[in-house]
Amino acid sequence: MALRIVIDLLIAIGLFFALAGTKGIIKMPDTFCRMQASTCISTLGVLCTAIGAVLYAILIMGSIGTAIKVGLIALLILLTNPIGSHSIAKGAYKAGIRPEKEMSVDDYGRDFE
């Protein structure tokens, strides 16, 4: 019974982070802030949900195969989400999209000069 509460709590935490990321995408002022909200918070939400799903698959369902698949999906999201976000940010910067506030350090500009 206590194990099921922990699993449900992890999934609820994942849901909370996913909803917070969605609200961040809607509320943030520019492209780069929106990408930060969508990448960091959604990655955290997926990882919490995946940990809950792995625990559920192993301890309640007894399915190691399902747990491995969910773990691999979480690992791929953990590896590809930051890389994809960085690539999109560089592409947006190269296309001429700039943050609302002036940057004190312009690392992307240095890369394209």
PDB file of N, CA and C in Angstrom:
ATOM      1  N   MET A   1       0.823  -1.200   0.000  1.00  0.00           N
ATOM      2  CA  MET A   1       0.000   0.000   0.000  1.00  0.00           C
ATOM      3  C   MET A   1       0.861   1.256   0.000  1.00  0.00           C
ATOM      4  N   ALA A   2       1.902   1.293   0.823  1.00  0.00           N
ATOM      5  CA  ALA A   2       2.774   2.473   0.879  1.00  0.00           C
ATOM      6  C   ALA A   2       3.547   2.632  -0.423  1.00  0.00           C
ATOM      7  N   LEU A   3       3.876   1.516  -1.051  1.00  0.00           N
ATOM      8  CA  LEU A   3       4.592   1.562  -2.320  1.00  0.00           C
ATOM      9  C   LEU A   3       3.724   2.196  -3.404  1.00  0.00           C
ATOM     10  N   ARG A   4       2.459   1.851  -3.415  1.00  0.00           N
ATOM     11  CA  ARG A   4       1.530   2.421  -4.399  1.00  0.00           C
ATOM     12  C   ARG A   4       1.385   3.928  -4.196  1.00  0.00           C
ATOM     13  N   ILE A   5       1.443   4.382  -2.972  1.00  0.00           N
ATOM     14  CA  ILE A   5       1.361   5.824  -2.687  1.00  0.00           C
ATOM     15  C   ILE A   5       2.594   6.531  -3.234  1.00  0.00           C
ATOM     16  N   VAL A   6       3.769   5.934  -3.086  1.00  0.00           N
ATOM     17  CA  VAL A   6       5.004   6.526  -3.615  1.00  0.00           C
ATOM     18  C   VAL A   6       4.941   6.599  -5.137  1.00  0.00           C
ATOM     19  N   ILE A   7       4.478   5.527  -5.774  1.00  0.00           N
ATOM     20  CA  ILE A   7       4.366   5.521  -7.234  1.00  0.00           C
ATOM     21  C   ILE A   7       3.385   6.598  -7.702  1.00  0.00           C
ATOM     22  N   ASP A   8       2.230   6.673  -7.058  1.00  0.00           N
ATOM     23  CA  ASP A   8       1.245   7.701  -7.424  1.00  0.00           C
ATOM     24  C   ASP A   8       1.775   9.109  -7.176  1.00  0.00           C
ATOM     25  N   LEU A   9       2.546   9.273  -6.126  1.00  0.00           N
ATOM     26  CA  LEU A   9       3.135  10.577  -5.830  1.00  0.00           C
ATOM     27  C   LEU A   9       4.151  10.985  -6.903  1.00  0.00           C
ATOM     28  N   LEU A  10       4.976  10.046  -7.356  1.00  0.00           N
ATOM     29  CA  LEU A  10       5.933  10.342  -8.425  1.00  0.00           C
ATOM     30  C   LEU A  10       5.222  10.733  -9.716  1.00  0.00           C
ATOM     31  N   ILE A  11       4.170  10.025 -10.045  1.00  0.00           N
ATOM     32  CA  ILE A  11       3.417  10.363 -11.250  1.00  0.00           C
ATOM     33  C   ILE A  11       2.732  11.716 -11.099  1.00  0.00           C
ATOM     34  N   ALA A  12       2.230  12.022  -9.920  1.00  0.00           N
ATOM     35  CA  ALA A  12       1.608  13.327  -9.678  1.00  0.00           C
ATOM     36  C   ALA A  12       2.638  14.459  -9.759  1.00  0.00           C
ATOM     37  N   ILE A  13       3.847  14.215  -9.258  1.00  0.00           N
ATOM     38  CA  ILE A  13       4.920  15.219  -9.370  1.00  0.00           C
ATOM     39  C   ILE A  13       5.264  15.445 -10.832  1.00  0.00           C
ATOM     40  N   GLY A  14       5.339  14.362 -11.612  1.00  0.00           N
ATOM     41  CA  GLY A  14       5.592  14.493 -13.048  1.00  0.00           C
ATOM     42  C   GLY A  14       4.513  15.295 -13.747  1.00  0.00           C
ATOM     43  N   LEU A  15       3.264  15.055 -13.359  1.00  0.00           N
ATOM     44  CA  LEU A  15       2.153  15.815 -13.925  1.00  0.00           C
ATOM     45  C   LEU A  15       2.255  17.290 -13.556  1.00  0.00           C
ATOM     46  N   PHE A  16       2.620  17.572 -12.310  1.00  0.00           N
ATOM     47  CA  PHE A  16       2.776  18.959 -11.881  1.00  0.00           C
ATOM     48  C   PHE A  16       3.841  19.681 -12.711  1.00  0.00           C
ATOM     49  N   PHE A  17       4.994  19.046 -12.916  1.00  0.00           N
ATOM     50  CA  PHE A  17       6.052  19.680 -13.696  1.00  0.00           C
ATOM     51  C   PHE A  17       5.644  19.855 -15.159  1.00  0.00           C
ATOM     52  N   ALA A  18       4.920  18.906 -15.705  1.00  0.00           N
ATOM     53  CA  ALA A  18       4.445  19.048 -17.084  1.00  0.00           C
ATOM     54  C   ALA A  18       3.476  20.220 -17.202  1.00  0.00           C
ATOM     55  N   LEU A  19       2.583  20.365 -16.242  1.00  0.00           N
ATOM     56  CA  LEU A  19       1.655  21.501 -16.268  1.00  0.00           C
ATOM     57  C   LEU A  19       2.371  22.830 -16.037  1.00  0.00           C
ATOM     58  N   ALA A  20       3.376  22.830 -15.156  1.00  0.00           N
ATOM     59  CA  ALA A  20       4.153  24.052 -14.929  1.00  0.00           C
ATOM     60  C   ALA A  20       4.914  24.450 -16.188  1.00  0.00           C
ATOM     61  N   GLY A  21       5.441  23.464 -16.912  1.00  0.00           N
ATOM     62  CA  GLY A  21       6.124  23.755 -18.173  1.00  0.00           C
ATOM     63  C   GLY A  21       5.176  24.325 -19.208  1.00  0.00           C
ATOM     64  N   THR A  22       3.959  23.796 -19.256  1.00  0.00           N
ATOM     65  CA  THR A  22       2.961  24.316 -20.194  1.00  0.00           C
ATOM     66  C   THR A  22       2.595  25.751 -19.848  1.00  0.00           C
ATOM     67  N   LYS A  23       2.415  26.038 -18.567  1.00  0.00           N
ATOM     68  CA  LYS A  23       2.110  27.406 -18.153  1.00  0.00           C
ATOM     69  C   LYS A  23       3.292  28.327 -18.467  1.00  0.00           C
ATOM     70  N   GLY A  24       4.521  27.835 -18.292  1.00  0.00           N
ATOM     71  CA  GLY A  24       5.703  28.626 -18.610  1.00  0.00           C
ATOM     72  C   GLY A  24       5.794  28.967 -20.085  1.00  0.00           C
ATOM     73  N   ILE A  25       5.427  28.018 -20.939  1.00  0.00           N
ATOM     74  CA  ILE A  25       5.441  28.280 -22.384  1.00  0.00           C
ATOM     75  C   ILE A  25       4.444  29.386 -22.727  1.00  0.00           C
ATOM     76  N   ILE A  26       3.310  29.383 -22.084  1.00  0.00           N
ATOM     77  CA  ILE A  26       2.281  30.386 -22.367  1.00  0.00           C
ATOM     78  C   ILE A  26       2.677  31.756 -21.806  1.00  0.00           C
ATOM     79  N   LYS A  27       3.274  31.801 -20.617  1.00  0.00           N
ATOM     80  CA  LYS A  27       3.529  33.065 -19.917  1.00  0.00           C
ATOM     81  C   LYS A  27       4.856  33.736 -20.265  1.00  0.00           C
ATOM     82  N   MET A  28       5.856  32.985 -20.710  1.00  0.00           N
ATOM     83  CA  MET A  28       7.184  33.572 -20.926  1.00  0.00           C
ATOM     84  C   MET A  28       7.177  34.570 -22.080  1.00  0.00           C
ATOM     85  N   PRO A  29       8.035  35.605 -21.984  1.00  0.00           N
ATOM     86  CA  PRO A  29       7.959  36.705 -22.942  1.00  0.00           C
ATOM     87  C   PRO A  29       8.581  36.444 -24.310  1.00  0.00           C
ATOM     88  N   ASP A  30       9.626  35.634 -24.401  1.00  0.00           N
ATOM     89  CA  ASP A  30      10.283  35.467 -25.696  1.00  0.00           C
ATOM     90  C   ASP A  30      10.613  34.003 -25.967  1.00  0.00           C
ATOM     91  N   THR A  31      11.141  33.752 -27.147  1.00  0.00           N
ATOM     92  CA  THR A  31      11.411  32.395 -27.611  1.00  0.00           C
ATOM     93  C   THR A  31      12.369  31.648 -26.704  1.00  0.00           C
ATOM     94  N   PHE A  32      13.425  32.304 -26.282  1.00  0.00           N
ATOM     95  CA  PHE A  32      14.456  31.622 -25.504  1.00  0.00           C
ATOM     96  C   PHE A  32      13.956  31.249 -24.101  1.00  0.00           C
ATOM     97  N   CYS A  33      13.166  32.108 -23.509  1.00  0.00           N
ATOM     98  CA  CYS A  33      12.571  31.774 -22.202  1.00  0.00           C
ATOM     99  C   CYS A  33      11.573  30.633 -22.338  1.00  0.00           C
ATOM    100  N   ARG A  34      10.813  30.632 -23.416  1.00  0.00           N
ATOM    101  CA  ARG A  34       9.848  29.557 -23.638  1.00  0.00           C
ATOM    102  C   ARG A  34      10.547  28.219 -23.829  1.00  0.00           C
ATOM    103  N   MET A  35      11.665  28.242 -24.533  1.00  0.00           N
ATOM    104  CA  MET A  35      12.400  26.990 -24.730  1.00  0.00           C
ATOM    105  C   MET A  35      12.977  26.481 -23.422  1.00  0.00           C
ATOM    106  N   GLN A  36      13.407  27.380 -22.556  1.00  0.00           N
ATOM    107  CA  GLN A  36      13.928  26.956 -21.255  1.00  0.00           C
ATOM    108  C   GLN A  36      12.817  26.292 -20.447  1.00  0.00           C
ATOM    109  N   ALA A  37      11.643  26.879 -20.476  1.00  0.00           N
ATOM    110  CA  ALA A  37      10.518  26.297 -19.734  1.00  0.00           C
ATOM    111  C   ALA A  37      10.130  24.944 -20.312  1.00  0.00           C
ATOM    112  N   SER A  38      10.095  24.850 -21.621  1.00  0.00           N
ATOM    113  CA  SER A  38       9.659  23.594 -22.230  1.00  0.00           C
ATOM    114  C   SER A  38      10.689  22.490 -22.064  1.00  0.00           C
ATOM    115  N   THR A  39      11.961  22.836 -22.028  1.00  0.00           N
ATOM    116  CA  THR A  39      13.003  21.810 -21.951  1.00  0.00           C
ATOM    117  C   THR A  39      13.235  21.340 -20.521  1.00  0.00           C
ATOM    118  N   CYS A  40      13.565  22.239 -19.647  1.00  0.00           N
ATOM    119  CA  CYS A  40      13.938  21.842 -18.281  1.00  0.00           C
ATOM    120  C   CYS A  40      12.772  21.239 -17.515  1.00  0.00           C
ATOM    121  N   ILE A  41      11.646  21.895 -17.535  1.00  0.00           N
ATOM    122  CA  ILE A  41      10.538  21.451 -16.714  1.00  0.00           C
ATOM    123  C   ILE A  41       9.886  20.204 -17.298  1.00  0.00           C
ATOM    124  N   SER A  42       9.779  20.132 -18.608  1.00  0.00           N
ATOM    125  CA  SER A  42       9.168  18.929 -19.178  1.00  0.00           C
ATOM    126  C   SER A  42      10.078  17.716 -19.018  1.00  0.00           C
ATOM    127  N   THR A  43      11.388  17.928 -19.069  1.00  0.00           N
ATOM    128  CA  THR A  43      12.306  16.820 -18.832  1.00  0.00           C
ATOM    129  C   THR A  43      12.137  16.309 -17.405  1.00  0.00           C
ATOM    130  N   LEU A  44      12.042  17.198 -16.454  1.00  0.00           N
ATOM    131  CA  LEU A  44      11.837  16.798 -15.065  1.00  0.00           C
ATOM    132  C   LEU A  44      10.510  16.061 -14.905  1.00  0.00           C
ATOM    133  N   GLY A  45       9.473  16.538 -15.563  1.00  0.00           N
ATOM    134  CA  GLY A  45       8.167  15.889 -15.477  1.00  0.00           C
ATOM    135  C   GLY A  45       8.182  14.489 -16.055  1.00  0.00           C
ATOM    136  N   VAL A  46       8.821  14.335 -17.202  1.00  0.00           N
ATOM    137  CA  VAL A  46       8.896  13.012 -17.824  1.00  0.00           C
ATOM    138  C   VAL A  46       9.722  12.060 -16.969  1.00  0.00           C
ATOM    139  N   LEU A  47      10.808  12.543 -16.391  1.00  0.00           N
ATOM    140  CA  LEU A  47      11.647  11.669 -15.578  1.00  0.00           C
ATOM    141  C   LEU A  47      10.924  11.199 -14.310  1.00  0.00           C
ATOM    142  N   CYS A  48      10.215  12.087 -13.645  1.00  0.00           N
ATOM    143  CA  CYS A  48       9.456  11.664 -12.455  1.00  0.00           C
ATOM    144  C   CYS A  48       8.387  10.647 -12.831  1.00  0.00           C
ATOM    145  N   THR A  49       7.688  10.899 -13.918  1.00  0.00           N
ATOM    146  CA  THR A  49       6.669   9.970 -14.375  1.00  0.00           C
ATOM    147  C   THR A  49       7.291   8.635 -14.765  1.00  0.00           C
ATOM    148  N   ALA A  50       8.443   8.670 -15.425  1.00  0.00           N
ATOM    149  CA  ALA A  50       9.115   7.433 -15.840  1.00  0.00           C
ATOM    150  C   ALA A  50       9.594   6.631 -14.635  1.00  0.00           C
ATOM    151  N   ILE A  51      10.100   7.298 -13.618  1.00  0.00           N
ATOM    152  CA  ILE A  51      10.526   6.579 -12.409  1.00  0.00           C
ATOM    153  C   ILE A  51       9.325   5.896 -11.763  1.00  0.00           C
ATOM    154  N   GLY A  52       8.201   6.604 -11.701  1.00  0.00           N
ATOM    155  CA  GLY A  52       6.982   5.993 -11.174  1.00  0.00           C
ATOM    156  C   GLY A  52       6.525   4.817 -12.024  1.00  0.00           C
ATOM    157  N   ALA A  53       6.625   4.946 -13.346  1.00  0.00           N
ATOM    158  CA  ALA A  53       6.213   3.863 -14.237  1.00  0.00           C
ATOM    159  C   ALA A  53       7.137   2.652 -14.120  1.00  0.00           C
ATOM    160  N   VAL A  54       8.442   2.892 -13.972  1.00  0.00           N
ATOM    161  CA  VAL A  54       9.387   1.786 -13.801  1.00  0.00           C
ATOM    162  C   VAL A  54       9.100   1.046 -12.496  1.00  0.00           C
ATOM    163  N   LEU A  55       8.878   1.778 -11.433  1.00  0.00           N
ATOM    164  CA  LEU A  55       8.548   1.137 -10.158  1.00  0.00           C
ATOM    165  C   LEU A  55       7.245   0.346 -10.261  1.00  0.00           C
ATOM    166  N   TYR A  56       6.269   0.913 -10.935  1.00  0.00           N
ATOM    167  CA  TYR A  56       4.999   0.214 -11.116  1.00  0.00           C
ATOM    168  C   TYR A  56       5.187  -1.066 -11.920  1.00  0.00           C
ATOM    169  N   ALA A  57       5.964  -0.967 -13.010  1.00  0.00           N
ATOM    170  CA  ALA A  57       6.175  -2.135 -13.874  1.00  0.00           C
ATOM    171  C   ALA A  57       6.908  -3.250 -13.144  1.00  0.00           C
ATOM    172  N   ILE A  58       7.911  -2.898 -12.362  1.00  0.00           N
ATOM    173  CA  ILE A  58       8.700  -3.926 -11.685  1.00  0.00           C
ATOM    174  C   ILE A  58       7.959  -4.485 -10.476  1.00  0.00           C
ATOM    175  N   LEU A  59       7.505  -3.617  -9.599  1.00  0.00           N
ATOM    176  CA  LEU A  59       7.009  -4.065  -8.306  1.00  0.00           C
ATOM    177  C   LEU A  59       5.544  -4.496  -8.303  1.00  0.00           C
ATOM    178  N   ILE A  60       4.731  -3.922  -9.157  1.00  0.00           N
ATOM    179  CA  ILE A  60       3.308  -4.265  -9.131  1.00  0.00           C
ATOM    180  C   ILE A  60       2.949  -5.201 -10.288  1.00  0.00           C
ATOM    181  N   MET A  61       3.398  -4.870 -11.503  1.00  0.00           N
ATOM    182  CA  MET A  61       3.095  -5.729 -12.648  1.00  0.00           C
ATOM    183  C   MET A  61       4.035  -6.929 -12.725  1.00  0.00           C
ATOM    184  N   GLY A  62       5.259  -6.763 -12.259  1.00  0.00           N
ATOM    185  CA  GLY A  62       6.243  -7.838 -12.354  1.00  0.00           C
ATOM    186  C   GLY A  62       6.828  -7.987 -13.746  1.00  0.00           C
ATOM    187  N   SER A  63       6.850  -6.908 -14.509  1.00  0.00           N
ATOM    188  CA  SER A  63       7.315  -6.950 -15.892  1.00  0.00           C
ATOM    189  C   SER A  63       8.636  -6.189 -16.024  1.00  0.00           C
ATOM    190  N   ILE A  64       9.721  -6.933 -16.077  1.00  0.00           N
ATOM    191  CA  ILE A  64      11.037  -6.316 -16.240  1.00  0.00           C
ATOM    192  C   ILE A  64      11.177  -5.711 -17.638  1.00  0.00           C
ATOM    193  N   GLY A  65      10.601  -6.370 -18.645  1.00  0.00           N
ATOM    194  CA  GLY A  65      10.692  -5.868 -20.022  1.00  0.00           C
ATOM    195  C   GLY A  65      10.083  -4.483 -20.173  1.00  0.00           C
ATOM    196  N   THR A  66       8.924  -4.287 -19.580  1.00  0.00           N
ATOM    197  CA  THR A  66       8.267  -2.975 -19.630  1.00  0.00           C
ATOM    198  C   THR A  66       9.100  -1.936 -18.904  1.00  0.00           C
ATOM    199  N   ALA A  67       9.667  -2.314 -17.775  1.00  0.00           N
ATOM    200  CA  ALA A  67      10.499  -1.380 -17.007  1.00  0.00           C
ATOM    201  C   ALA A  67      11.726  -0.961 -17.807  1.00  0.00           C
ATOM    202  N   ILE A  68      12.336  -1.891 -18.521  1.00  0.00           N
ATOM    203  CA  ILE A  68      13.511  -1.565 -19.336  1.00  0.00           C
ATOM    204  C   ILE A  68      13.131  -0.613 -20.464  1.00  0.00           C
ATOM    205  N   LYS A  69      11.996  -0.861 -21.096  1.00  0.00           N
ATOM    206  CA  LYS A  69      11.552   0.022 -22.189  1.00  0.00           C
ATOM    207  C   LYS A  69      11.287   1.436 -21.688  1.00  0.00           C
ATOM    208  N   VAL A  70      10.608   1.555 -20.561  1.00  0.00           N
ATOM    209  CA  VAL A  70      10.320   2.879 -19.989  1.00  0.00           C
ATOM    210  C   VAL A  70      11.627   3.559 -19.578  1.00  0.00           C
ATOM    211  N   GLY A  71      12.545   2.804 -18.995  1.00  0.00           N
ATOM    212  CA  GLY A  71      13.845   3.362 -18.611  1.00  0.00           C
ATOM    213  C   GLY A  71      14.636   3.858 -19.808  1.00  0.00           C
ATOM    214  N   LEU A  72      14.598   3.109 -20.911  1.00  0.00           N
ATOM    215  CA  LEU A  72      15.296   3.554 -22.126  1.00  0.00           C
ATOM    216  C   LEU A  72      14.665   4.811 -22.713  1.00  0.00           C
ATOM    217  N   ILE A  73      13.350   4.894 -22.680  1.00  0.00           N
ATOM    218  CA  ILE A  73      12.671   6.102 -23.159  1.00  0.00           C
ATOM    219  C   ILE A  73      13.079   7.306 -22.312  1.00  0.00           C
ATOM    220  N   ALA A  74      13.118   7.126 -20.995  1.00  0.00           N
ATOM    221  CA  ALA A  74      13.522   8.223 -20.105  1.00  0.00           C
ATOM    222  C   ALA A  74      14.965   8.629 -20.371  1.00  0.00           C
ATOM    223  N   LEU A  75      15.833   7.652 -20.590  1.00  0.00           N
ATOM    224  CA  LEU A  75      17.240   7.953 -20.884  1.00  0.00           C
ATOM    225  C   LEU A  75      17.379   8.729 -22.191  1.00  0.00           C
ATOM    226  N   LEU A  76      16.640   8.321 -23.216  1.00  0.00           N
ATOM    227  CA  LEU A  76      16.693   9.035 -24.492  1.00  0.00           C
ATOM    228  C   LEU A  76      16.181  10.466 -24.360  1.00  0.00           C
ATOM    229  N   ILE A  77      15.124  10.663 -23.606  1.00  0.00           N
ATOM    230  CA  ILE A  77      14.609  12.019 -23.386  1.00  0.00           C
ATOM    231  C   ILE A  77      15.637  12.853 -22.629  1.00  0.00           C
ATOM    232  N   LEU A  78      16.250  12.252 -21.631  1.00  0.00           N
ATOM    233  CA  LEU A  78      17.267  12.956 -20.848  1.00  0.00           C
ATOM    234  C   LEU A  78      18.457  13.364 -21.704  1.00  0.00           C
ATOM    235  N   LEU A  79      18.820  12.547 -22.672  1.00  0.00           N
ATOM    236  CA  LEU A  79      19.970  12.857 -23.527  1.00  0.00           C
ATOM    237  C   LEU A  79      19.624  13.794 -24.683  1.00  0.00           C
ATOM    238  N   THR A  80      18.458  13.634 -25.283  1.00  0.00           N
ATOM    239  CA  THR A  80      18.151  14.394 -26.490  1.00  0.00           C
ATOM    240  C   THR A  80      17.459  15.726 -26.253  1.00  0.00           C
ATOM    241  N   ASN A  81      16.720  15.881 -25.176  1.00  0.00           N
ATOM    242  CA  ASN A  81      15.976  17.117 -24.942  1.00  0.00           C
ATOM    243  C   ASN A  81      16.895  18.342 -24.826  1.00  0.00           C
ATOM    244  N   PRO A  82      17.953  18.317 -24.023  1.00  0.00           N
ATOM    245  CA  PRO A  82      18.833  19.496 -23.962  1.00  0.00           C
ATOM    246  C   PRO A  82      19.563  19.776 -25.281  1.00  0.00           C
ATOM    247  N   ILE A  83      19.959  18.733 -25.980  1.00  0.00           N
ATOM    248  CA  ILE A  83      20.662  18.914 -27.253  1.00  0.00           C
ATOM    249  C   ILE A  83      19.730  19.536 -28.288  1.00  0.00           C
ATOM    250  N   GLY A  84      18.499  19.030 -28.359  1.00  0.00           N
ATOM    251  CA  GLY A  84      17.531  19.587 -29.295  1.00  0.00           C
ATOM    252  C   GLY A  84      17.189  21.028 -28.973  1.00  0.00           C
ATOM    253  N   SER A  85      17.038  21.337 -27.700  1.00  0.00           N
ATOM    254  CA  SER A  85      16.726  22.703 -27.293  1.00  0.00           C
ATOM    255  C   SER A  85      17.860  23.660 -27.659  1.00  0.00           C
ATOM    256  N   HIS A  86      19.084  23.226 -27.447  1.00  0.00           N
ATOM    257  CA  HIS A  86      20.237  24.062 -27.796  1.00  0.00           C
ATOM    258  C   HIS A  86      20.287  24.300 -29.303  1.00  0.00           C
ATOM    259  N   SER A  87      20.012  23.278 -30.087  1.00  0.00           N
ATOM    260  CA  SER A  87      20.018  23.428 -31.541  1.00  0.00           C
ATOM    261  C   SER A  87      18.929  24.384 -32.011  1.00  0.00           C
ATOM    262  N   ILE A  88      17.751  24.274 -31.424  1.00  0.00           N
ATOM    263  CA  ILE A  88      16.656  25.180 -31.789  1.00  0.00           C
ATOM    264  C   ILE A  88      17.001  26.618 -31.400  1.00  0.00           C
ATOM    265  N   ALA A  89      17.612  26.806 -30.233  1.00  0.00           N
ATOM    266  CA  ALA A  89      17.991  28.155 -29.793  1.00  0.00           C
ATOM    267  C   ALA A  89      19.026  28.762 -30.738  1.00  0.00           C
ATOM    268  N   LYS A  90      20.005  27.966 -31.141  1.00  0.00           N
ATOM    269  CA  LYS A  90      21.002  28.483 -32.081  1.00  0.00           C
ATOM    270  C   LYS A  90      20.376  28.820 -33.426  1.00  0.00           C
ATOM    271  N   GLY A  91      19.458  27.982 -33.883  1.00  0.00           N
ATOM    272  CA  GLY A  91      18.766  28.260 -35.142  1.00  0.00           C
ATOM    273  C   GLY A  91      17.919  29.522 -35.063  1.00  0.00           C
ATOM    274  N   ALA A  92      17.241  29.714 -33.941  1.00  0.00           N
ATOM    275  CA  ALA A  92      16.429  30.920 -33.762  1.00  0.00           C
ATOM    276  C   ALA A  92      17.321  32.159 -33.738  1.00  0.00           C
ATOM    277  N   TYR A  93      18.450  32.061 -33.055  1.00  0.00           N
ATOM    278  CA  TYR A  93      19.369  33.203 -32.989  1.00  0.00           C
ATOM    279  C   TYR A  93      19.914  33.522 -34.377  1.00  0.00           C
ATOM    280  N   LYS A  94      20.271  32.486 -35.124  1.00  0.00           N
ATOM    281  CA  LYS A  94      20.815  32.690 -36.468  1.00  0.00           C
ATOM    282  C   LYS A  94      19.761  33.281 -37.409  1.00  0.00           C
ATOM    283  N   ALA A  95      18.483  32.958 -37.158  1.00  0.00           N
ATOM    284  CA  ALA A  95      17.396  33.498 -37.978  1.00  0.00           C
ATOM    285  C   ALA A  95      17.057  34.943 -37.625  1.00  0.00           C
ATOM    286  N   GLY A  96      17.692  35.484 -36.588  1.00  0.00           N
ATOM    287  CA  GLY A  96      17.474  36.883 -36.243  1.00  0.00           C
ATOM    288  C   GLY A  96      16.566  37.112 -35.052  1.00  0.00           C
ATOM    289  N   ILE A  97      16.123  36.069 -34.403  1.00  0.00           N
ATOM    290  CA  ILE A  97      15.277  36.225 -33.218  1.00  0.00           C
ATOM    291  C   ILE A  97      16.178  36.524 -32.031  1.00  0.00           C
ATOM    292  N   ARG A  98      15.866  37.585 -31.302  1.00  0.00           N
ATOM    293  CA  ARG A  98      16.674  37.990 -30.153  1.00  0.00           C
ATOM    294  C   ARG A  98      15.810  38.047 -28.900  1.00  0.00           C
ATOM    295  N   PRO A  99      16.420  37.892 -27.725  1.00  0.00           N
ATOM    296  CA  PRO A  99      15.659  38.018 -26.469  1.00  0.00           C
ATOM    297  C   PRO A  99      15.125  39.433 -26.297  1.00  0.00           C
ATOM    298  N   GLU A 100      14.054  39.565 -25.499  1.00  0.00           N
ATOM    299  CA  GLU A 100      13.464  40.880 -25.243  1.00  0.00           C
ATOM    300  C   GLU A 100      14.459  41.817 -24.574  1.00  0.00           C
ATOM    301  N   LYS A 101      15.116  41.321 -23.515  1.00  0.00           N
ATOM    302  CA  LYS A 101      16.104  42.127 -22.812  1.00  0.00           C
ATOM    303  C   LYS A 101      17.467  41.956 -23.487  1.00  0.00           C
ATOM    304  N   GLU A 102      18.245  43.019 -23.453  1.00  0.00           N
ATOM    305  CA  GLU A 102      19.576  42.927 -24.045  1.00  0.00           C
ATOM    306  C   GLU A 102      20.460  42.025 -23.186  1.00  0.00           C
ATOM    307  N   MET A 103      21.216  41.169 -23.866  1.00  0.00           N
ATOM    308  CA  MET A 103      22.070  40.219 -23.147  1.00  0.00           C
ATOM    309  C   MET A 103      23.381  40.891 -22.754  1.00  0.00           C
ATOM    310  N   SER A 104      23.859  40.607 -21.547  1.00  0.00           N
ATOM    311  CA  SER A 104      25.151  41.156 -21.129  1.00  0.00           C
ATOM    312  C   SER A 104      26.300  40.362 -21.743  1.00  0.00           C
ATOM    313  N   VAL A 105      26.088  39.076 -21.965  1.00  0.00           N
ATOM    314  CA  VAL A 105      27.081  38.231 -22.629  1.00  0.00           C
ATOM    315  C   VAL A 105      26.372  37.543 -23.785  1.00  0.00           C
ATOM    316  N   ASP A 106      26.894  37.717 -24.986  1.00  0.00           N
ATOM    317  CA  ASP A 106      26.264  37.180 -26.184  1.00  0.00           C
ATOM    318  C   ASP A 106      27.118  36.031 -26.728  1.00  0.00           C
ATOM    319  N   ASP A 107      26.971  34.849 -26.128  1.00  0.00           N
ATOM    320  CA  ASP A 107      27.756  33.701 -26.572  1.00  0.00           C
ATOM    321  C   ASP A 107      27.364  33.215 -27.957  1.00  0.00           C
ATOM    322  N   TYR A 108      26.077  33.270 -28.279  1.00  0.00           N
ATOM    323  CA  TYR A 108      25.648  32.838 -29.619  1.00  0.00           C
ATOM    324  C   TYR A 108      26.197  33.770 -30.672  1.00  0.00           C
ATOM    325  N   GLY A 109      26.178  35.076 -30.418  1.00  0.00           N
ATOM    326  CA  GLY A 109      26.716  36.032 -31.385  1.00  0.00           C
ATOM    327  C   GLY A 109      28.182  35.779 -31.668  1.00  0.00           C
ATOM    328  N   ARG A 110      28.922  35.391 -30.645  1.00  0.00           N
ATOM    329  CA  ARG A 110      30.338  35.062 -30.818  1.00  0.00           C
ATOM    330  C   ARG A 110      30.506  33.867 -31.742  1.00  0.00           C
ATOM    331  N   ASP A 111      29.594  32.918 -31.689  1.00  0.00           N
ATOM    332  CA  ASP A 111      29.698  31.723 -32.531  1.00  0.00           C
ATOM    333  C   ASP A 111      29.453  32.018 -34.005  1.00  0.00           C
ATOM    334  N   PHE A 112      28.660  33.038 -34.305  1.00  0.00           N
ATOM    335  CA  PHE A 112      28.295  33.308 -35.682  1.00  0.00           C
ATOM    336  C   PHE A 112      29.113  34.409 -36.338  1.00  0.00           C
ATOM    337  N   GLU A 113      30.037  34.996 -35.621  1.00  0.00           N
ATOM    338  CA  GLU A 113      30.863  36.063 -36.203  1.00  0.00           C
ATOM    339  C   GLU A 113      32.033  35.513 -36.960  1.00  0.00           C
TER     340      GLU A 113
END
